[in-house]
Protein backbone atom coordinates (compact mmCIF):
# COMPACT_ATOMS: atom_id res chain seq x y z
CA MET A 1 19.51 -17.11 10.02
CA ILE A 2 22.83 -17.34 11.83
CA ILE A 3 23.40 -13.62 11.33
CA GLN A 4 19.91 -12.77 12.59
CA MET A 5 20.04 -15.02 15.65
CA PRO A 6 22.05 -12.69 17.95
CA ILE A 7 19.72 -9.83 17.08
CA TRP A 8 16.62 -11.85 17.99
CA VAL A 9 18.22 -13.11 21.23
CA ALA A 10 19.21 -9.58 22.25
CA LEU A 11 15.75 -8.25 21.43
CA TYR A 12 14.06 -11.01 23.42
CA GLN A 13 16.31 -10.50 26.43
CA SER A 14 15.92 -6.74 26.41
CA ILE A 15 12.14 -6.85 26.16
CA SER A 16 11.84 -9.52 28.85
CA ARG A 17 14.01 -7.44 31.22
CA VAL A 18 12.08 -4.27 30.53
CA VAL A 19 8.62 -5.78 30.87
CA ALA A 20 9.60 -7.57 34.08
CA SER A 21 10.72 -4.33 35.75
CA GLY A 22 7.88 -2.06 34.60
CA PRO A 23 6.33 -0.46 31.54
CA GLU A 24 8.06 2.89 32.08
CA GLU A 25 11.39 1.17 31.51
CA LEU A 26 10.61 0.86 27.80
CA LEU A 27 12.18 4.28 27.41
CA ASN A 28 15.55 2.80 28.42
CA LEU A 29 15.25 -0.15 26.05
CA SER A 30 18.39 0.77 24.11
CA ARG A 31 20.51 0.28 27.24
CA TYR A 32 19.38 -3.32 27.60
CA MET A 33 19.88 -4.31 23.97
CA TYR A 34 23.64 -4.71 24.17
CA PRO A 35 24.88 -4.02 27.71
CA ASN A 36 28.58 -4.16 26.79
CA TRP A 37 28.34 -1.76 23.86
CA HIS A 38 28.20 1.67 25.45
CA PHE A 39 28.70 3.49 22.14
CA ILE A 40 25.23 2.32 21.00
CA TYR A 41 23.32 4.42 23.57
CA PRO A 42 23.73 7.81 21.89
CA ILE A 43 23.28 6.33 18.40
CA VAL A 44 19.88 4.73 19.18
CA PRO A 45 17.98 7.31 21.20
CA LEU A 46 14.43 6.44 22.19
CA ASN A 47 12.43 9.60 22.66
CA SER A 48 9.00 10.91 21.74
CA GLN A 49 10.13 12.91 18.69
CA PHE A 50 9.81 11.55 15.15
CA LEU A 51 10.58 13.98 12.35
CA TRP A 52 8.62 17.07 13.37
CA LEU A 53 5.94 15.18 15.35
CA ASN A 54 5.69 14.65 19.08
CA LEU A 55 4.53 11.05 19.41
CA GLY A 56 3.69 11.53 23.08
CA ALA A 57 0.94 14.04 22.31
CA PRO A 58 -2.30 13.45 20.40
CA ASP A 59 -2.20 14.26 16.70
CA HIS A 60 -4.96 16.78 16.10
CA LEU A 61 -4.17 17.16 12.39
CA TYR A 62 -4.13 13.39 11.70
CA ILE A 63 -0.89 13.67 9.76
CA LEU A 64 0.34 10.12 10.35
CA PRO A 65 -2.91 8.33 9.33
CA ILE A 66 -3.13 10.44 6.17
CA LEU A 67 0.54 9.75 5.41
CA VAL A 68 0.06 6.01 5.93
CA PHE A 69 -3.03 5.96 3.72
CA ALA A 70 -1.30 7.91 0.94
CA THR A 71 1.80 5.73 0.94
CA MET A 72 -0.21 2.49 1.02
CA TRP A 73 -2.39 3.67 -1.86
CA LEU A 74 0.67 4.73 -3.84
CA MET A 75 2.43 1.40 -3.23
CA GLN A 76 -0.69 -0.52 -4.29
CA LYS A 77 -0.87 1.46 -7.54
CA MET A 78 2.84 0.95 -8.20
CA VAL A 79 2.86 -2.80 -7.49
CA THR A 80 -0.38 -3.83 -9.22
CA PRO A 81 0.37 -4.79 -12.83
CA PRO A 82 -2.00 -3.57 -15.54
CA SER A 83 -4.35 -6.28 -16.74
CA THR A 84 -4.90 -7.18 -20.38
CA ASP A 85 -8.19 -8.99 -19.85
CA PRO A 86 -11.16 -6.61 -20.44
CA GLN A 87 -13.23 -8.28 -17.71
CA GLN A 88 -10.46 -7.72 -15.15
CA GLN A 89 -10.06 -4.11 -16.31
CA ALA A 90 -13.77 -3.47 -15.77
CA GLN A 91 -13.58 -5.10 -12.33
CA SER A 92 -10.54 -3.03 -11.29
CA GLN A 93 -12.19 0.20 -12.42
CA MET A 94 -15.20 -0.54 -10.21
CA SER A 95 -13.05 -0.58 -7.04
């Protein structure tokens, strides 16, 4: 917890400064995280691009919801252990 504490304090201070000045200042959030560390600004850019998607525009192909659904389904199948009880097997095949 001691290692995490400065991160939580910096996050709280940066969000409280940004929200107090206006919602459009969320784009400059990386400048408020650590004001004395100027080398962080180019490393942590906050823009509307993520991979090949523009997060500022509507997603007409619904790529992100399909990707989230597929990864959640895959993780559920990977994490769920196979059951040895026949009643549980029948119940899991029904869903």
